[in-house]
């Protein structure tokens, strides 16, 4: 099965990706940081670089991967400008 994992380099994604690969799945792992492509490759995933807050980038990434399943494991990007504008620092994340 082809699996697309958004948040593949996060705390849970780094544990999930190798387990999916080990179970025989083709995993496409999304990260917004180009520098994390090697990490995804080392985990056994096809690296995908896209900003999860940009709908066009996400649509292109998912369309190119053609997954059977999408796993959304992306947390709040505290340092991301778009996240800061959506949430106040003193409020819990709605994500």
N, C-alpha and C. Protein backbone atom coordinates (compact mmCIF):
# COMPACT_ATOMS: atom_id res chain seq x y z
N UNK A 1 0.84 -1.17 0.00
CA UNK A 1 0.00 0.00 0.00
C UNK A 1 0.89 1.24 0.00
N UNK A 2 0.47 2.26 -0.70
CA UNK A 2 1.21 3.52 -0.73
C UNK A 2 0.62 4.45 0.34
N UNK A 3 1.47 4.89 1.28
CA UNK A 3 1.03 5.70 2.41
C UNK A 3 1.73 7.06 2.36
N UNK A 4 0.95 8.11 2.50
CA UNK A 4 1.48 9.47 2.56
C UNK A 4 1.40 9.93 4.01
N UNK A 5 2.54 10.30 4.60
CA UNK A 5 2.58 10.71 6.00
C UNK A 5 2.95 12.19 6.07
N UNK A 6 2.00 13.03 6.48
CA UNK A 6 2.27 14.44 6.73
C UNK A 6 2.79 14.54 8.16
N UNK A 7 3.93 15.17 8.33
CA UNK A 7 4.55 15.24 9.65
C UNK A 7 5.48 14.07 9.89
N UNK A 8 6.07 13.58 8.82
CA UNK A 8 6.88 12.36 8.88
C UNK A 8 8.17 12.51 9.68
N UNK A 9 8.64 13.74 9.88
CA UNK A 9 9.88 13.92 10.64
C UNK A 9 9.62 14.36 12.07
N UNK A 10 8.38 14.39 12.48
CA UNK A 10 8.04 14.75 13.85
C UNK A 10 8.28 13.59 14.80
N UNK A 11 7.98 13.81 16.07
CA UNK A 11 8.24 12.80 17.10
C UNK A 11 7.53 11.48 16.81
N UNK A 12 6.30 11.53 16.39
CA UNK A 12 5.56 10.30 16.09
C UNK A 12 5.90 9.79 14.69
N UNK A 13 6.01 10.71 13.74
CA UNK A 13 6.32 10.32 12.36
C UNK A 13 7.63 9.55 12.24
N UNK A 14 8.65 9.97 13.02
CA UNK A 14 9.94 9.27 12.97
C UNK A 14 9.83 7.84 13.49
N UNK A 15 8.83 7.56 14.29
CA UNK A 15 8.60 6.20 14.77
C UNK A 15 7.68 5.42 13.82
N UNK A 16 6.72 6.13 13.24
CA UNK A 16 5.73 5.49 12.37
C UNK A 16 6.30 5.07 11.02
N UNK A 17 7.06 5.96 10.40
CA UNK A 17 7.56 5.70 9.04
C UNK A 17 8.33 4.39 8.94
N UNK A 18 9.34 4.12 9.80
CA UNK A 18 10.06 2.85 9.65
C UNK A 18 9.18 1.63 9.90
N UNK A 19 8.17 1.77 10.74
CA UNK A 19 7.26 0.64 10.97
C UNK A 19 6.41 0.36 9.74
N UNK A 20 5.95 1.42 9.08
CA UNK A 20 5.18 1.23 7.85
C UNK A 20 6.06 0.62 6.76
N UNK A 21 7.27 1.15 6.63
CA UNK A 21 8.21 0.61 5.63
C UNK A 21 8.51 -0.86 5.94
N UNK A 22 8.75 -1.16 7.21
CA UNK A 22 9.04 -2.54 7.63
C UNK A 22 7.89 -3.50 7.36
N UNK A 23 6.67 -2.96 7.33
CA UNK A 23 5.50 -3.78 7.04
C UNK A 23 5.26 -3.92 5.54
N UNK A 24 6.16 -3.35 4.74
CA UNK A 24 6.09 -3.52 3.29
C UNK A 24 5.38 -2.42 2.54
N UNK A 25 5.06 -1.31 3.20
CA UNK A 25 4.36 -0.21 2.54
C UNK A 25 5.35 0.75 1.88
N UNK A 26 4.92 1.36 0.82
CA UNK A 26 5.69 2.44 0.18
C UNK A 26 5.26 3.73 0.86
N UNK A 27 6.18 4.38 1.54
CA UNK A 27 5.85 5.56 2.33
C UNK A 27 6.42 6.81 1.69
N UNK A 28 5.56 7.81 1.53
CA UNK A 28 5.96 9.13 1.08
C UNK A 28 5.84 10.03 2.31
N UNK A 29 6.97 10.55 2.78
CA UNK A 29 6.98 11.34 4.01
C UNK A 29 7.13 12.81 3.71
N UNK A 30 6.18 13.61 4.21
CA UNK A 30 6.20 15.04 3.95
C UNK A 30 6.83 15.81 5.11
N UNK A 31 7.68 16.76 4.74
CA UNK A 31 8.28 17.70 5.67
C UNK A 31 8.33 19.05 4.98
N UNK A 32 8.35 20.12 5.75
CA UNK A 32 8.46 21.44 5.12
C UNK A 32 9.92 21.88 5.00
N UNK A 33 10.83 21.12 5.61
CA UNK A 33 12.25 21.47 5.62
C UNK A 33 13.04 20.62 4.63
N UNK A 34 13.64 21.30 3.66
CA UNK A 34 14.48 20.59 2.69
C UNK A 34 15.60 19.82 3.38
N UNK A 35 16.08 20.36 4.50
CA UNK A 35 17.21 19.74 5.20
C UNK A 35 16.84 18.39 5.81
N UNK A 36 15.56 18.07 5.91
CA UNK A 36 15.14 16.80 6.51
C UNK A 36 14.90 15.69 5.48
N UNK A 37 15.20 15.96 4.22
CA UNK A 37 15.03 14.94 3.19
C UNK A 37 15.90 13.71 3.45
N UNK A 38 17.12 13.92 3.89
CA UNK A 38 18.03 12.80 4.16
C UNK A 38 17.48 11.94 5.30
N UNK A 39 16.91 12.58 6.31
CA UNK A 39 16.31 11.84 7.42
C UNK A 39 15.20 10.94 6.91
N UNK A 40 14.33 11.48 6.06
CA UNK A 40 13.24 10.68 5.50
C UNK A 40 13.77 9.52 4.67
N UNK A 41 14.78 9.79 3.88
CA UNK A 41 15.39 8.73 3.08
C UNK A 41 15.96 7.64 3.98
N UNK A 42 16.65 8.03 5.04
CA UNK A 42 17.22 7.07 5.99
C UNK A 42 16.14 6.24 6.69
N UNK A 43 14.97 6.83 6.88
CA UNK A 43 13.85 6.11 7.50
C UNK A 43 13.17 5.16 6.51
N UNK A 44 13.53 5.28 5.22
CA UNK A 44 12.96 4.41 4.20
C UNK A 44 11.84 5.03 3.40
N UNK A 45 11.59 6.32 3.62
CA UNK A 45 10.49 7.00 2.93
C UNK A 45 10.97 7.74 1.70
N UNK A 46 10.05 8.00 0.80
CA UNK A 46 10.29 8.89 -0.32
C UNK A 46 10.08 10.30 0.24
N UNK A 47 11.12 11.15 0.23
CA UNK A 47 10.97 12.49 0.80
C UNK A 47 10.08 13.38 -0.06
N UNK A 48 9.21 14.13 0.62
CA UNK A 48 8.33 15.09 -0.03
C UNK A 48 8.45 16.39 0.75
N UNK A 49 8.84 17.48 0.07
CA UNK A 49 8.96 18.77 0.73
C UNK A 49 7.78 19.63 0.32
N UNK A 50 6.99 20.03 1.31
CA UNK A 50 5.85 20.90 1.07
C UNK A 50 5.46 21.58 2.37
N UNK A 51 4.95 22.78 2.26
CA UNK A 51 4.46 23.52 3.42
C UNK A 51 3.01 23.10 3.65
N UNK A 52 2.75 22.48 4.78
CA UNK A 52 1.41 21.96 5.08
C UNK A 52 0.36 23.06 5.19
N UNK A 53 0.79 24.30 5.33
CA UNK A 53 -0.16 25.41 5.40
C UNK A 53 -0.40 26.05 4.04
N UNK A 54 0.17 25.47 3.00
CA UNK A 54 -0.04 25.96 1.62
C UNK A 54 -0.85 24.90 0.88
N UNK A 55 -2.14 25.15 0.68
CA UNK A 55 -3.02 24.14 0.06
C UNK A 55 -2.54 23.66 -1.31
N UNK A 56 -1.96 24.56 -2.10
CA UNK A 56 -1.49 24.16 -3.43
C UNK A 56 -0.30 23.21 -3.33
N UNK A 57 0.63 23.49 -2.42
CA UNK A 57 1.78 22.60 -2.24
C UNK A 57 1.33 21.23 -1.75
N UNK A 58 0.37 21.20 -0.83
CA UNK A 58 -0.12 19.93 -0.31
C UNK A 58 -0.83 19.15 -1.41
N UNK A 59 -1.68 19.82 -2.17
CA UNK A 59 -2.40 19.15 -3.27
C UNK A 59 -1.43 18.57 -4.28
N UNK A 60 -0.40 19.34 -4.63
CA UNK A 60 0.60 18.85 -5.59
C UNK A 60 1.36 17.64 -5.02
N UNK A 61 1.73 17.71 -3.74
CA UNK A 61 2.49 16.62 -3.12
C UNK A 61 1.66 15.35 -3.04
N UNK A 62 0.42 15.47 -2.62
CA UNK A 62 -0.45 14.29 -2.52
C UNK A 62 -0.76 13.75 -3.91
N UNK A 63 -1.02 14.65 -4.85
CA UNK A 63 -1.30 14.21 -6.22
C UNK A 63 -0.13 13.46 -6.84
N UNK A 64 1.07 13.94 -6.59
CA UNK A 64 2.26 13.27 -7.14
C UNK A 64 2.49 11.91 -6.50
N UNK A 65 2.21 11.80 -5.20
CA UNK A 65 2.43 10.54 -4.49
C UNK A 65 1.36 9.50 -4.84
N UNK A 66 0.15 9.94 -5.08
CA UNK A 66 -0.94 9.01 -5.39
C UNK A 66 -1.17 7.97 -4.30
N UNK A 67 -1.33 8.40 -3.05
CA UNK A 67 -1.43 7.44 -1.95
C UNK A 67 -2.76 6.71 -1.88
N UNK A 68 -2.72 5.54 -1.27
CA UNK A 68 -3.93 4.81 -0.92
C UNK A 68 -4.48 5.32 0.41
N UNK A 69 -3.56 5.78 1.26
CA UNK A 69 -3.89 6.23 2.61
C UNK A 69 -3.07 7.49 2.92
N UNK A 70 -3.69 8.43 3.64
CA UNK A 70 -2.98 9.61 4.13
C UNK A 70 -3.04 9.59 5.65
N UNK A 71 -1.86 9.75 6.26
CA UNK A 71 -1.77 9.85 7.72
C UNK A 71 -1.41 11.29 8.03
N UNK A 72 -2.28 11.98 8.76
CA UNK A 72 -2.02 13.37 9.14
C UNK A 72 -1.44 13.36 10.55
N UNK A 73 -0.15 13.55 10.64
CA UNK A 73 0.53 13.54 11.93
C UNK A 73 1.29 14.85 12.13
N UNK A 74 0.81 15.87 11.50
CA UNK A 74 1.47 17.17 11.58
C UNK A 74 0.95 17.92 12.79
N UNK A 75 1.87 18.36 13.62
CA UNK A 75 1.51 19.17 14.78
C UNK A 75 1.54 20.64 14.44
N UNK A 76 1.37 21.44 15.43
CA UNK A 76 1.42 22.88 15.27
C UNK A 76 2.85 23.32 15.07
N UNK A 77 3.12 24.10 14.05
CA UNK A 77 4.46 24.63 13.79
C UNK A 77 4.61 25.95 14.52
N UNK A 78 5.06 25.89 15.75
CA UNK A 78 5.13 27.08 16.59
C UNK A 78 5.96 28.19 15.98
N UNK A 79 6.99 27.85 15.23
CA UNK A 79 7.85 28.86 14.65
C UNK A 79 7.42 29.33 13.28
N UNK A 80 6.36 28.78 12.75
CA UNK A 80 5.92 29.10 11.40
C UNK A 80 5.05 30.36 11.42
N UNK A 81 5.35 31.31 10.57
CA UNK A 81 4.64 32.60 10.56
C UNK A 81 3.14 32.42 10.40
N UNK A 82 2.70 31.51 9.55
CA UNK A 82 1.27 31.31 9.35
C UNK A 82 0.60 30.77 10.60
N UNK A 83 1.29 29.93 11.36
CA UNK A 83 0.74 29.41 12.60
C UNK A 83 0.59 30.53 13.62
N UNK A 84 1.59 31.40 13.69
CA UNK A 84 1.52 32.49 14.67
C UNK A 84 0.37 33.42 14.38
N UNK A 85 0.05 33.60 13.11
CA UNK A 85 -1.04 34.52 12.79
C UNK A 85 -2.41 33.89 13.04
N UNK A 86 -2.49 32.57 13.09
CA UNK A 86 -3.76 31.89 13.29
C UNK A 86 -4.11 31.72 14.76
N UNK A 87 -3.11 31.65 15.64
CA UNK A 87 -3.34 31.36 17.04
C UNK A 87 -2.61 32.37 17.91
N UNK A 88 -3.22 32.74 19.01
CA UNK A 88 -2.55 33.58 19.98
C UNK A 88 -1.63 32.70 20.82
N UNK A 89 -0.52 33.24 21.24
CA UNK A 89 0.46 32.46 22.00
C UNK A 89 -0.09 31.95 23.32
N UNK A 90 -1.07 32.64 23.90
CA UNK A 90 -1.60 32.22 25.20
C UNK A 90 -2.80 31.29 25.09
N UNK A 91 -3.18 30.91 23.87
CA UNK A 91 -4.30 29.98 23.68
C UNK A 91 -3.76 28.61 23.28
N UNK A 92 -4.43 27.55 23.73
CA UNK A 92 -4.05 26.21 23.26
C UNK A 92 -4.36 26.08 21.77
N UNK A 93 -3.59 25.29 21.10
CA UNK A 93 -3.78 25.06 19.67
C UNK A 93 -5.12 24.38 19.42
N UNK A 94 -5.79 24.79 18.36
CA UNK A 94 -7.06 24.17 17.96
C UNK A 94 -6.82 22.98 17.05
N UNK A 95 -5.56 22.74 16.67
CA UNK A 95 -5.26 21.60 15.76
C UNK A 95 -5.33 20.29 16.47
